Amino acid sequence: MAGPPTIKDIERRAYQLWQQAGMPDGRDQEFYLEAERQLREELVRHELRTPDTL
């Protein structure tokens, strides 16, 4: 992924998380926020990589 996560990226990850959790009702926002957090964290980890840490 190049740049910050898009809404589609977040929705895709949220759907995966929702499926993994057994597709519970009424927790849409929870999964969306968790997906957004995960994707932003992955972006930061990727940006922190330097040739010395690869």
Protein backbone atom coordinates (compact mmCIF):
# COMPACT_ATOMS: atom_id res chain seq x y z
CA MET A 1 0.00 0.00 0.00
CA ALA A 2 1.38 3.41 -0.94
CA GLY A 3 0.19 6.31 1.18
CA PRO A 4 -2.47 6.32 3.85
CA PRO A 5 -5.16 3.64 3.75
CA THR A 6 -8.21 4.44 1.64
CA ILE A 7 -11.78 3.95 2.78
CA LYS A 8 -11.93 0.85 0.55
CA ASP A 9 -8.77 -0.54 2.20
CA ILE A 10 -10.28 0.00 5.64
CA GLU A 11 -13.64 -1.50 4.66
CA ARG A 12 -11.93 -4.55 3.17
CA ARG A 13 -9.90 -5.12 6.36
CA ALA A 14 -12.95 -4.47 8.57
CA TYR A 15 -14.92 -7.08 6.64
CA GLN A 16 -12.12 -9.62 7.12
CA LEU A 17 -11.99 -8.88 10.85
CA TRP A 18 -15.78 -9.17 11.09
CA GLN A 19 -15.72 -12.55 9.33
CA GLN A 20 -12.91 -13.81 11.58
CA ALA A 21 -14.93 -12.77 14.65
CA GLY A 22 -17.91 -14.87 13.53
CA MET A 23 -19.90 -12.05 11.87
CA PRO A 24 -21.46 -10.55 15.01
CA ASP A 25 -24.27 -7.99 14.67
CA GLY A 26 -23.98 -4.36 15.75
CA ARG A 27 -20.20 -4.02 15.91
CA ASP A 28 -19.58 -2.29 12.56
CA GLN A 29 -17.85 0.74 14.02
CA GLU A 30 -15.61 -1.40 16.23
CA PHE A 31 -14.35 -3.40 13.25
CA TYR A 32 -13.93 -0.29 11.09
CA LEU A 33 -11.87 1.48 13.75
CA GLU A 34 -9.75 -1.60 14.40
CA ALA A 35 -9.11 -2.03 10.67
CA GLU A 36 -8.12 1.62 10.36
CA ARG A 37 -5.76 1.30 13.34
CA GLN A 38 -4.13 -1.83 11.93
CA LEU A 39 -3.59 -0.35 8.48
CA ARG A 40 -2.14 2.89 9.86
CA GLU A 41 0.16 0.88 12.14
CA GLU A 42 1.35 -1.20 9.18
CA LEU A 43 2.02 2.00 7.24
CA VAL A 44 4.12 3.42 10.09
CA ARG A 45 6.08 0.17 10.41
CA HIS A 46 6.72 0.22 6.67
CA GLU A 47 7.86 3.85 6.73
CA LEU A 48 10.21 3.16 9.65
CA ARG A 49 12.13 0.55 7.69
CA THR A 50 15.55 1.63 6.64
CA PRO A 51 18.18 -0.29 4.64
CA ASP A 52 19.83 -1.16 7.96
CA THR A 53 16.67 -2.84 9.30
CA LEU A 54 15.66 -4.78 6.20
